[in-house]
C-alpha atoms as a PDB file:
ATOM      1  CA  MET A   1     135.589  73.486 166.017  1.00  0.00           C
ATOM      2  CA  ALA A   2     139.324  73.663 166.786  1.00  0.00           C
ATOM      3  CA  ARG A   3     140.265  73.997 170.420  1.00  0.00           C
ATOM      4  CA  ARG A   4     143.356  75.859 171.624  1.00  0.00           C
ATOM      5  CA  HIS A   5     145.352  76.100 174.838  1.00  0.00           C
ATOM      6  CA  TYR A   6     145.272  79.476 176.622  1.00  0.00           C
ATOM      7  CA  LEU A   7     147.116  80.753 179.650  1.00  0.00           C
ATOM      8  CA  VAL A   8     144.981  83.277 181.536  1.00  0.00           C
ATOM      9  CA  SER A   9     146.528  85.459 184.209  1.00  0.00           C
ATOM     10  CA  TYR A  10     144.875  88.198 186.221  1.00  0.00           C
ATOM     11  CA  ASP A  11     145.776  91.028 188.577  1.00  0.00           C
ATOM     12  CA  VAL A  12     142.566  92.318 190.163  1.00  0.00           C
ATOM     13  CA  SER A  13     142.787  94.782 193.030  1.00  0.00           C
ATOM     14  CA  ASP A  14     139.319  94.399 194.590  1.00  0.00           C
ATOM     15  CA  ASP A  15     138.502  91.215 196.553  1.00  0.00           C
ATOM     16  CA  LYS A  16     134.931  90.908 195.217  1.00  0.00           C
ATOM     17  CA  ARG A  17     135.985  91.362 191.588  1.00  0.00           C
ATOM     18  CA  ARG A  18     138.973  89.038 192.053  1.00  0.00           C
ATOM     19  CA  ASN A  19     136.702  86.317 193.490  1.00  0.00           C
ATOM     20  CA  ARG A  20     134.326  86.660 190.535  1.00  0.00           C
ATOM     21  CA  VAL A  21     137.202  86.390 188.050  1.00  0.00           C
ATOM     22  CA  PHE A  22     138.544  83.350 189.927  1.00  0.00           C
ATOM     23  CA  GLN A  23     135.125  81.640 189.945  1.00  0.00           C
ATOM     24  CA  THR A  24     134.628  82.336 186.243  1.00  0.00           C
ATOM     25  CA  LEU A  25     137.993  80.800 185.370  1.00  0.00           C
ATOM     26  CA  GLU A  26     137.638  77.924 187.830  1.00  0.00           C
ATOM     27  CA  ASP A  27     134.568  76.732 185.930  1.00  0.00           C
ATOM     28  CA  ILE A  28     136.491  76.358 182.652  1.00  0.00           C
ATOM     29  CA  GLY A  29     140.190  75.904 183.359  1.00  0.00           C
ATOM     30  CA  ASP A  30     142.895  74.369 185.495  1.00  0.00           C
ATOM     31  CA  HIS A  31     144.068  76.560 188.375  1.00  0.00           C
ATOM     32  CA  VAL A  32     147.855  76.171 188.124  1.00  0.00           C
ATOM     33  CA  GLN A  33     149.131  79.083 190.214  1.00  0.00           C
ATOM     34  CA  TYR A  34     147.690  81.822 192.428  1.00  0.00           C
ATOM     35  CA  SER A  35     146.291  83.965 189.589  1.00  0.00           C
ATOM     36  CA  VAL A  36     147.024  81.736 186.600  1.00  0.00           C
ATOM     37  CA  PHE A  37     144.772  79.277 184.770  1.00  0.00           C
ATOM     38  CA  LEU A  38     145.337  76.997 181.800  1.00  0.00           C
ATOM     39  CA  CYS A  39     142.241  76.663 179.642  1.00  0.00           C
ATOM     40  CA  GLU A  40     141.373  74.630 176.554  1.00  0.00           C
ATOM     41  CA  LEU A  41     138.784  76.581 174.588  1.00  0.00           C
ATOM     42  CA  SER A  42     137.075  76.856 171.234  1.00  0.00           C
ATOM     43  CA  ARG A  43     136.687  80.296 169.606  1.00  0.00           C
ATOM     44  CA  ARG A  44     133.143  80.485 170.883  1.00  0.00           C
ATOM     45  CA  GLU A  45     134.142  79.569 174.451  1.00  0.00           C
ATOM     46  CA  LEU A  46     136.943  82.167 174.334  1.00  0.00           C
ATOM     47  CA  ALA A  47     134.441  84.829 173.240  1.00  0.00           C
ATOM     48  CA  GLN A  48     132.087  83.800 176.065  1.00  0.00           C
ATOM     49  CA  LEU A  49     134.948  83.942 178.575  1.00  0.00           C
ATOM     50  CA  ARG A  50     135.927  87.437 177.432  1.00  0.00           C
ATOM     51  CA  SER A  51     132.316  88.549 177.730  1.00  0.00           C
ATOM     52  CA  GLN A  52     132.045  87.182 181.272  1.00  0.00           C
ATOM     53  CA  LEU A  53     135.377  88.642 182.384  1.00  0.00           C
ATOM     54  CA  VAL A  54     134.690  92.130 181.071  1.00  0.00           C
ATOM     55  CA  ASP A  55     131.730  92.299 183.467  1.00  0.00           C
ATOM     56  CA  HIS A  56     134.026  91.658 186.449  1.00  0.00           C
ATOM     57  CA  VAL A  57     137.103  93.703 185.562  1.00  0.00           C
ATOM     58  CA  HIS A  58     137.576  97.391 186.294  1.00  0.00           C
ATOM     59  CA  GLN A  59     139.130  98.766 183.109  1.00  0.00           C
ATOM     60  CA  ARG A  60     141.486 101.206 184.864  1.00  0.00           C
ATOM     61  CA  GLU A  61     142.442  99.200 187.964  1.00  0.00           C
ATOM     62  CA  ASP A  62     142.585  95.549 186.894  1.00  0.00           C
ATOM     63  CA  GLN A  63     144.287  93.461 184.256  1.00  0.00           C
ATOM     64  CA  VAL A  64     143.532  90.103 182.655  1.00  0.00           C
ATOM     65  CA  MET A  65     145.994  88.641 180.156  1.00  0.00           C
ATOM     66  CA  ILE A  66     145.067  85.841 177.762  1.00  0.00           C
ATOM     67  CA  LEU A  67     147.962  84.142 175.999  1.00  0.00           C
ATOM     68  CA  ASP A  68     147.324  81.723 173.123  1.00  0.00           C
ATOM     69  CA  LEU A  69     149.565  78.656 173.583  1.00  0.00           C
ATOM     70  CA  GLY A  70     148.542  76.903 170.401  1.00  0.00           C
ATOM     71  CA  PRO A  71     146.313  74.067 169.228  1.00  0.00           C
ATOM     72  CA  ALA A  72     144.861  71.817 171.917  1.00  0.00           C
ATOM     73  CA  HIS A  73     145.863  68.661 170.030  1.00  0.00           C
ATOM     74  CA  LEU A  74     149.528  69.545 170.711  1.00  0.00           C
ATOM     75  CA  SER A  75     150.996  68.823 174.117  1.00  0.00           C
ATOM     76  CA  LEU A  76     151.473  71.828 176.395  1.00  0.00           C
ATOM     77  CA  GLU A  77     155.092  70.773 176.839  1.00  0.00           C
ATOM     78  CA  THR A  78     155.768  72.297 173.402  1.00  0.00           C
ATOM     79  CA  ALA A  79     154.657  75.745 174.633  1.00  0.00           C
ATOM     80  CA  LEU A  80     155.636  75.706 178.316  1.00  0.00           C
ATOM     81  CA  GLU A  81     158.924  75.442 180.091  1.00  0.00           C
ATOM     82  CA  ILE A  82     158.390  74.382 183.678  1.00  0.00           C
ATOM     83  CA  MET A  83     160.997  74.405 186.410  1.00  0.00           C
ATOM     84  CA  GLY A  84     160.326  72.465 189.579  1.00  0.00           C
ATOM     85  CA  ARG A  85     157.329  70.216 189.956  1.00  0.00           C
ATOM     86  CA  PRO A  86     155.643  69.336 186.665  1.00  0.00           C
ATOM     87  CA  HIS A  87     152.221  70.538 185.576  1.00  0.00           C
ATOM     88  CA  GLU A  88     149.655  67.801 186.191  1.00  0.00           C
ATOM     89  CA  PRO A  89     146.352  68.699 184.523  1.00  0.00           C
ATOM     90  CA  LEU A  90     143.136  67.884 186.324  1.00  0.00           C
ATOM     91  CA  VAL A  91     141.095  65.078 184.869  1.00  0.00           C
ATOM     92  CA  ARG A  92     137.681  66.522 184.047  1.00  0.00           C
ATOM     93  CA  THR A  93     134.630  64.349 183.590  1.00  0.00           C
ATOM     94  CA  LEU A  94     131.319  65.339 182.118  1.00  0.00           C
ATOM     95  CA  ILE A  95     128.346  64.339 184.250  1.00  0.00           C
ATOM     96  CA  VAL A  96     124.994  64.482 182.518  1.00  0.00           C
END
């Protein structure tokens, strides 16, 4: 199952809904800016994320953008231009 890099950004007007969106994304991605996450997902995980987010987003008031940055085996430096301090991804470990 091929994994891809995604940039997920949100603009959610209600505090409760915004917190739910943040918590959903925090579980699967790297929080890189106030309302921006970088995620590495399979197609199935992306579908699950969309399903979870749609439950928390008001269709007329809020916005979530998901941008495909390409295959996960390629470095993010090929898709991102960063000015200022560099992006330093979190090291995630699986605890079973």
